[in-house]
C-alpha atoms as a PDB file:
ATOM      1  CA  ASP A   1      18.043  14.906  21.045  1.00  0.00           C
ATOM      2  CA  GLY A   2      14.713  16.077  19.777  1.00  0.00           C
ATOM      3  CA  TYR A   3      12.548  15.510  16.764  1.00  0.00           C
ATOM      4  CA  PHE A   4      13.589  15.204  13.149  1.00  0.00           C
ATOM      5  CA  GLU A   5      11.256  16.195  10.310  1.00  0.00           C
ATOM      6  CA  GLN A   6      12.223  16.035   6.651  1.00  0.00           C
ATOM      7  CA  VAL A   7      10.405  16.651   3.377  1.00  0.00           C
ATOM      8  CA  VAL A   8      12.047  15.243   0.257  1.00  0.00           C
ATOM      9  CA  SER A   9      11.101  15.957  -3.363  1.00  0.00           C
ATOM     10  CA  GLN A  10      12.721  13.857  -6.037  1.00  0.00           C
ATOM     11  CA  CYS A  11      12.454  13.140  -9.723  1.00  0.00           C
ATOM     12  CA  ARG A  12      13.300   9.605 -10.784  1.00  0.00           C
ATOM     13  CA  PHE A  13      14.394   9.160 -14.365  1.00  0.00           C
ATOM     14  CA  SER A  14      14.281   5.671 -15.881  1.00  0.00           C
ATOM     15  CA  SER A  15      15.346   6.842 -19.347  1.00  0.00           C
ATOM     16  CA  LYS A  16      15.785   9.979 -21.438  1.00  0.00           C
ATOM     17  CA  ASP A  17      12.174   9.595 -22.505  1.00  0.00           C
ATOM     18  CA  LEU A  18      10.161  12.220 -20.611  1.00  0.00           C
ATOM     19  CA  GLN A  19       7.345   9.704 -20.197  1.00  0.00           C
ATOM     20  CA  GLY A  20       9.564   7.677 -17.853  1.00  0.00           C
ATOM     21  CA  ILE A  21       9.884  10.389 -15.196  1.00  0.00           C
ATOM     22  CA  GLU A  22       8.355   9.894 -11.765  1.00  0.00           C
ATOM     23  CA  PHE A  23       7.868  12.622  -9.132  1.00  0.00           C
ATOM     24  CA  ILE A  24       7.951  11.585  -5.472  1.00  0.00           C
ATOM     25  CA  HIS A  25       7.277  13.866  -2.496  1.00  0.00           C
ATOM     26  CA  SER A  26       7.960  12.159   0.853  1.00  0.00           C
ATOM     27  CA  TYR A  27       7.337  13.288   4.417  1.00  0.00           C
ATOM     28  CA  VAL A  28       9.564  11.767   7.100  1.00  0.00           C
ATOM     29  CA  PHE A  29       9.349  12.068  10.878  1.00  0.00           C
ATOM     30  CA  ASN A  30      12.104  10.627  13.081  1.00  0.00           C
ATOM     31  CA  LYS A  31      13.541   8.690  10.108  1.00  0.00           C
ATOM     32  CA  ALA A  32      10.219   6.991   9.296  1.00  0.00           C
ATOM     33  CA  GLU A  33       8.371   7.933   6.123  1.00  0.00           C
ATOM     34  CA  TYR A  34       4.743   8.474   7.047  1.00  0.00           C
ATOM     35  CA  ILE A  35       3.196   9.778   3.813  1.00  0.00           C
ATOM     36  CA  ARG A  36       4.206   9.979   0.152  1.00  0.00           C
ATOM     37  CA  PHE A  37       2.853  11.427  -3.067  1.00  0.00           C
ATOM     38  CA  ASN A  38       3.881   9.453  -6.136  1.00  0.00           C
ATOM     39  CA  SER A  39       3.007  10.789  -9.597  1.00  0.00           C
ATOM     40  CA  THR A  40       2.713   7.255 -10.978  1.00  0.00           C
ATOM     41  CA  VAL A  41       0.077   6.381  -8.361  1.00  0.00           C
ATOM     42  CA  GLY A  42      -1.462   9.863  -8.667  1.00  0.00           C
ATOM     43  CA  LYS A  43      -2.332  10.289  -5.005  1.00  0.00           C
ATOM     44  CA  TYR A  44      -0.956  10.359  -1.465  1.00  0.00           C
ATOM     45  CA  VAL A  45      -0.335   7.061   0.299  1.00  0.00           C
ATOM     46  CA  GLY A  46       0.045   6.829   4.073  1.00  0.00           C
ATOM     47  CA  TYR A  47       2.425   4.410   5.792  1.00  0.00           C
ATOM     48  CA  THR A  48       1.542   5.072   9.439  1.00  0.00           C
ATOM     49  CA  GLU A  49      -1.727   5.743  11.251  1.00  0.00           C
ATOM     50  CA  LEU A  50      -1.161   9.503  10.977  1.00  0.00           C
ATOM     51  CA  GLY A  51      -0.009   9.164   7.361  1.00  0.00           C
ATOM     52  CA  VAL A  52      -3.135   7.235   6.354  1.00  0.00           C
ATOM     53  CA  LYS A  53      -5.343   9.859   8.013  1.00  0.00           C
ATOM     54  CA  ASN A  54      -3.478  12.711   6.287  1.00  0.00           C
ATOM     55  CA  ALA A  55      -3.527  10.901   2.932  1.00  0.00           C
ATOM     56  CA  GLU A  56      -7.301  10.558   3.091  1.00  0.00           C
ATOM     57  CA  ALA A  57      -7.714  14.279   3.793  1.00  0.00           C
ATOM     58  CA  TRP A  58      -5.033  15.495   1.354  1.00  0.00           C
ATOM     59  CA  ASN A  59      -6.396  13.359  -1.499  1.00  0.00           C
ATOM     60  CA  LYS A  60      -9.716  15.217  -1.123  1.00  0.00           C
ATOM     61  CA  GLY A  61      -8.225  18.695  -0.715  1.00  0.00           C
ATOM     62  CA  PRO A  62      -6.193  21.274  -2.627  1.00  0.00           C
ATOM     63  CA  GLU A  63      -2.924  19.539  -1.690  1.00  0.00           C
ATOM     64  CA  LEU A  64      -3.488  16.845  -4.338  1.00  0.00           C
ATOM     65  CA  ALA A  65      -4.040  19.369  -7.145  1.00  0.00           C
ATOM     66  CA  GLY A  66      -0.759  21.059  -6.249  1.00  0.00           C
ATOM     67  CA  GLU A  67       1.185  17.800  -6.351  1.00  0.00           C
ATOM     68  CA  LEU A  68      -0.306  16.679  -9.667  1.00  0.00           C
ATOM     69  CA  GLY A  69       1.321  19.629 -11.444  1.00  0.00           C
ATOM     70  CA  GLU A  70       4.801  19.079  -9.999  1.00  0.00           C
ATOM     71  CA  LEU A  71       5.775  16.385 -12.522  1.00  0.00           C
ATOM     72  CA  GLU A  72       5.430  18.895 -15.362  1.00  0.00           C
ATOM     73  CA  ARG A  73       6.570  21.987 -13.480  1.00  0.00           C
ATOM     74  CA  PHE A  74       9.543  20.587 -11.602  1.00  0.00           C
ATOM     75  CA  CYS A  75      10.705  17.316 -13.177  1.00  0.00           C
ATOM     76  CA  LYS A  76      10.063  17.664 -16.892  1.00  0.00           C
ATOM     77  CA  HIS A  77      10.994  21.341 -16.879  1.00  0.00           C
ATOM     78  CA  ASN A  78      14.439  20.541 -15.440  1.00  0.00           C
ATOM     79  CA  ALA A  79      15.049  17.246 -17.287  1.00  0.00           C
ATOM     80  CA  ASP A  80      17.351  18.849 -19.893  1.00  0.00           C
ATOM     81  CA  LEU A  81      19.581  20.184 -17.122  1.00  0.00           C
ATOM     82  CA  HIS A  82      19.956  16.715 -15.637  1.00  0.00           C
ATOM     83  CA  TYR A  83      20.733  15.061 -18.968  1.00  0.00           C
ATOM     84  CA  SER A  84      23.256  17.703 -20.048  1.00  0.00           C
ATOM     85  CA  THR A  85      25.501  17.264 -16.979  1.00  0.00           C
END
């Protein structure tokens, strides 16, 4: 018993074209996603009362700038590794 917190970063590839890559960074508490950054949307989106409040603050702060670079730094940089395996 207790609390469960999880942060998941994922790259979704729809094709070998690097333009089709999507970066998603999700925050989950007790199996319920409460906030997500999606590179296609370009901002945080909240799914609970706390998530909406955090999304509003994070979209105005340095957190958003950090996430915006992850598509290039993490997903596109490692795309060749994914396609070669």
